[in-house]
Amino acid sequence: MKLLTLNFLTCARKTCKTNPAAFPLHPREAELEQIEAEINPLLIQNLLPRINWEVLKTISQELGLPSLPESAPDSEDFMTEEGEPTQTLKDLHTLLMEMNVQNGKLVCGSCEHEYAIKEGIANFLLPSHMV
C-alpha cells in the first residue's frame, strides 16, 4: 500500500466517523519497501493540492522517514531551469509513489482498532460486533 493512500483513509467504525482522531490512521510495526518508478512531475503537481500536508508530515515522521518542510512546496520548485527534476520533486516522488507498506498495522487514533496490512493490502473488514 502506497504511503499516498494513508492521506485518504479513516477508521471504518461508525462511532469514529465524526471523531477527528480517526484520521489519519497511524502506521505501526510497518515494513516499508521502495519500488522504483519513473518520475512524473505533472502527477505530483496535480496531487499536491489534494494532499493534507500535515497528515503527510505526521505519517512520514511516524515511519522514521526524513522530515518534510513546514508547508507544501510550490510546483515551481519541481524543475530546474535546465528542465531537470529538483531534489524536492525527487523526494516527494519517492515518498508518495515509491514507498509502500508491505506488512504492519494501521491504528485508529480514536478507538485504537488495528487494521492489518499483509503483502501490501490493508484489511478493513470489521468483526460484526464493531460494525
Foldseek 3Di string as FASTA:
>chain_A
DAPLVLQPDFAPFPVCPPPPQRPRFAWDPFDKDFDDDDQDLVVCQVCVVVGPVVSLQVNCVSVVHDGDDPDDDHSVQQADPVGHGDVSSVVSCRRGPTMAGAWTWTARRPPRDTWTHHRRDTDNDDDPVRD
